[in-house]
Amino acid sequence: MADDTNQKTSVGSSASPKLNLAEAEMVELFVNLSKVLGQPKSIAEIYGVLFVSEQPLNMEDLMDRLLLSKGSASQGLKYLRALGAVKSVYVPGDRRDHYVAVAELRELLNRLLRDHVAPHLDSGLQRLDHIEGLVEELPSEDKDRFLRRINLLRSWAKNGKQFLPIVVKVLGK
């Protein structure tokens, strides 16, 4: 009986006939993580394939291996480059852009937290200011309840902003 580890399909939701089982499972790991972070599946698939690839891959390789449209591949690579999760590398004799995954956890987390989580905390605080203005129009029994909740959310945001750099430092070691 043949060994299943080299077959080119997977039972996971990120199955592609161009990925072996180990590659597909690794990609699926990143897809599941992306769900927690609220990121599109295609971004996780691109990063996952680049993460396990021995060689740099160009956009056409990614489209072929992941069965992605040109638009999804292009947008995914653009997002991942802006995040610092992938970088472009030179491949002698090929004029196309090739990409590799950046695997330095500290830098990835730092950029993700700085560029995506922290701005949401800031915009959340601005929204709380707006909500507080709306609360002024409520009856006093509702006003007190809302103001307590607003203060609790402000505390969460303040603690979150203080906690984020510590998380980056701890995970980067």
Protein backbone atom coordinates (compact mmCIF):
# COMPACT_ATOMS: atom_id res chain seq x y z
CA MET A 1 0.00 0.00 0.00
CA ALA A 2 1.31 3.46 -0.92
CA ASP A 3 2.38 6.00 1.68
CA ASP A 4 -0.25 8.77 1.96
CA THR A 5 2.21 11.46 3.10
CA ASN A 6 3.19 12.35 -0.45
CA GLN A 7 -0.28 12.59 -1.93
CA LYS A 8 -1.18 15.96 -3.34
CA THR A 9 -4.52 16.47 -1.59
CA SER A 10 -5.72 17.23 1.89
CA VAL A 11 -8.91 16.75 3.83
CA GLY A 12 -8.69 20.26 5.31
CA SER A 13 -10.65 23.26 4.01
CA SER A 14 -7.48 24.67 2.43
CA ALA A 15 -7.11 21.61 0.22
CA SER A 16 -5.42 22.11 -3.11
CA PRO A 17 -4.31 19.43 -5.53
CA LYS A 18 -0.93 21.24 -5.69
CA LEU A 19 -0.14 20.86 -1.96
CA ASN A 20 1.02 17.70 -0.24
CA LEU A 21 -0.70 16.70 3.01
CA ALA A 22 1.93 18.29 5.26
CA GLU A 23 1.82 21.56 3.30
CA ALA A 24 -1.98 21.59 3.35
CA GLU A 25 -2.05 20.99 7.09
CA MET A 26 0.48 23.77 7.68
CA VAL A 27 -1.61 26.12 5.56
CA GLU A 28 -4.71 25.06 7.51
CA LEU A 29 -2.92 25.96 10.75
CA PHE A 30 -2.42 29.51 9.48
CA VAL A 31 -6.02 29.65 8.18
CA ASN A 32 -7.33 28.77 11.64
CA LEU A 33 -5.11 31.41 13.21
CA SER A 34 -6.31 33.99 10.69
CA LYS A 35 -9.91 33.31 11.72
CA VAL A 36 -9.03 34.28 15.29
CA LEU A 37 -7.39 37.47 14.00
CA GLY A 38 -10.27 38.22 11.64
CA GLN A 39 -8.12 38.06 8.52
CA PRO A 40 -9.17 36.68 5.13
CA LYS A 41 -8.45 33.02 4.44
CA SER A 42 -6.46 33.81 1.27
CA ILE A 43 -3.95 35.87 3.24
CA ALA A 44 -3.34 32.98 5.62
CA GLU A 45 -3.05 30.54 2.73
CA ILE A 46 -0.44 32.69 0.98
CA TYR A 47 1.59 33.13 4.15
CA GLY A 48 1.31 29.43 4.98
CA VAL A 49 2.58 28.30 1.58
CA LEU A 50 5.44 30.79 1.66
CA PHE A 51 6.25 29.73 5.23
CA VAL A 52 6.72 26.08 4.26
CA SER A 53 8.23 26.65 0.82
CA GLU A 54 11.91 25.87 0.42
CA GLN A 55 12.16 28.22 -2.56
CA PRO A 56 10.87 31.76 -3.09
CA LEU A 57 7.56 31.76 -4.97
CA ASN A 58 6.17 34.25 -7.46
CA MET A 59 2.54 35.33 -7.62
CA GLU A 60 1.73 32.88 -10.41
CA ASP A 61 3.13 30.01 -8.30
CA LEU A 62 0.87 31.05 -5.43
CA MET A 63 -2.15 31.36 -7.70
CA ASP A 64 -1.50 27.90 -9.12
CA ARG A 65 -0.75 26.13 -5.82
CA LEU A 66 -3.64 27.73 -3.93
CA LEU A 67 -6.14 28.07 -6.78
CA LEU A 68 -6.38 31.82 -6.13
CA SER A 69 -7.52 34.52 -8.50
CA LYS A 70 -4.98 37.11 -9.59
CA GLY A 71 -6.83 39.74 -7.55
CA SER A 72 -6.79 37.66 -4.34
CA ALA A 73 -3.12 36.80 -4.76
CA SER A 74 -2.17 40.40 -5.52
CA GLN A 75 -4.16 41.87 -2.62
CA GLY A 76 -2.93 39.18 -0.24
CA LEU A 77 0.70 39.78 -1.14
CA LYS A 78 0.25 43.54 -0.87
CA TYR A 79 -1.27 43.19 2.60
CA LEU A 80 1.39 40.73 3.78
CA ARG A 81 4.19 42.96 2.47
CA ALA A 82 2.74 45.99 4.25
CA LEU A 83 2.50 43.93 7.43
CA GLY A 84 6.12 42.84 7.01
CA ALA A 85 5.10 39.17 6.93
CA VAL A 86 6.57 38.56 3.47
CA LYS A 87 9.38 40.17 1.56
CA SER A 88 10.38 40.27 -2.06
CA VAL A 89 13.63 38.54 -3.02
CA TYR A 90 15.70 38.46 -6.19
CA VAL A 91 15.78 35.22 -8.18
CA PRO A 92 18.56 35.22 -10.80
CA GLY A 93 17.28 34.89 -14.36
CA ASP A 94 13.65 35.68 -13.52
CA ARG A 95 12.26 39.20 -13.77
CA ARG A 96 9.11 38.42 -11.76
CA ASP A 97 8.86 39.30 -8.08
CA HIS A 98 9.42 36.33 -5.79
CA TYR A 99 8.41 36.18 -2.14
CA VAL A 100 9.48 34.51 1.06
CA ALA A 101 7.81 34.48 4.46
CA VAL A 102 9.35 36.54 7.24
CA ALA A 103 9.41 34.30 10.28
CA GLU A 104 10.65 36.69 12.99
CA LEU A 105 7.78 36.54 15.49
CA ARG A 106 8.69 39.72 17.37
CA GLU A 107 8.64 41.90 14.27
CA LEU A 108 5.41 40.35 12.95
CA LEU A 109 3.63 40.79 16.26
CA ASN A 110 4.98 44.28 16.70
CA ARG A 111 3.65 45.37 13.31
CA LEU A 112 0.33 43.58 13.75
CA LEU A 113 -0.25 45.13 17.15
CA ARG A 114 1.05 48.56 16.17
CA ASP A 115 -0.68 48.79 12.80
CA HIS A 116 -3.91 46.92 13.44
CA VAL A 117 -4.76 46.44 17.11
CA ALA A 118 -3.60 49.77 18.57
CA PRO A 119 -5.51 51.89 16.01
CA HIS A 120 -8.69 49.96 16.88
CA LEU A 121 -8.15 50.74 20.54
CA ASP A 122 -7.70 54.42 19.70
CA SER A 123 -10.76 54.56 17.46
CA GLY A 124 -12.72 52.69 20.12
CA LEU A 125 -11.84 55.40 22.64
CA GLN A 126 -13.03 58.07 20.20
CA ARG A 127 -16.25 56.18 19.71
CA LEU A 128 -16.72 55.97 23.48
CA ASP A 129 -16.44 59.77 23.63
CA HIS A 130 -19.19 59.99 21.02
CA ILE A 131 -21.37 57.48 22.90
CA GLU A 132 -20.85 59.40 26.13
CA GLY A 133 -22.29 62.48 24.43
CA LEU A 134 -25.33 60.46 23.38
CA VAL A 135 -25.79 59.14 26.90
CA GLU A 136 -26.41 62.67 28.13
CA GLU A 137 -29.82 62.51 26.42
CA LEU A 138 -30.86 59.33 28.27
CA PRO A 139 -32.97 59.16 31.44
CA SER A 140 -30.81 59.19 34.58
CA GLU A 141 -31.37 55.49 35.40
CA ASP A 142 -30.01 54.53 31.95
CA LYS A 143 -27.32 57.20 32.01
CA ASP A 144 -25.65 55.78 35.12
CA ARG A 145 -25.58 52.26 33.70
CA PHE A 146 -24.10 53.43 30.38
CA LEU A 147 -21.50 55.62 32.05
CA ARG A 148 -20.34 52.68 34.21
CA ARG A 149 -19.98 50.53 31.09
CA ILE A 150 -18.19 53.29 29.19
CA ASN A 151 -15.70 53.67 32.04
CA LEU A 152 -15.16 49.92 32.09
CA LEU A 153 -14.43 49.89 28.35
CA ARG A 154 -12.04 52.83 28.72
CA SER A 155 -10.21 50.87 31.40
CA TRP A 156 -10.00 47.85 29.09
CA ALA A 157 -8.59 49.99 26.28
CA LYS A 158 -6.04 51.64 28.59
CA ASN A 159 -4.93 48.25 29.94
CA GLY A 160 -4.80 46.83 26.43
CA LYS A 161 -2.54 49.63 25.22
CA GLN A 162 -0.21 49.05 28.18
CA PHE A 163 -0.29 45.27 27.74
CA LEU A 164 0.45 45.10 23.99
CA PRO A 165 4.16 46.02 24.18
CA ILE A 166 4.66 43.48 26.97
CA VAL A 167 3.10 40.74 24.82
CA VAL A 168 5.42 41.56 21.94
CA LYS A 169 8.45 41.52 24.22
CA VAL A 170 7.54 38.20 25.87
CA LEU A 171 6.63 36.39 22.63
CA GLY A 172 9.72 37.70 20.86
CA LYS A 173 12.15 36.08 23.31
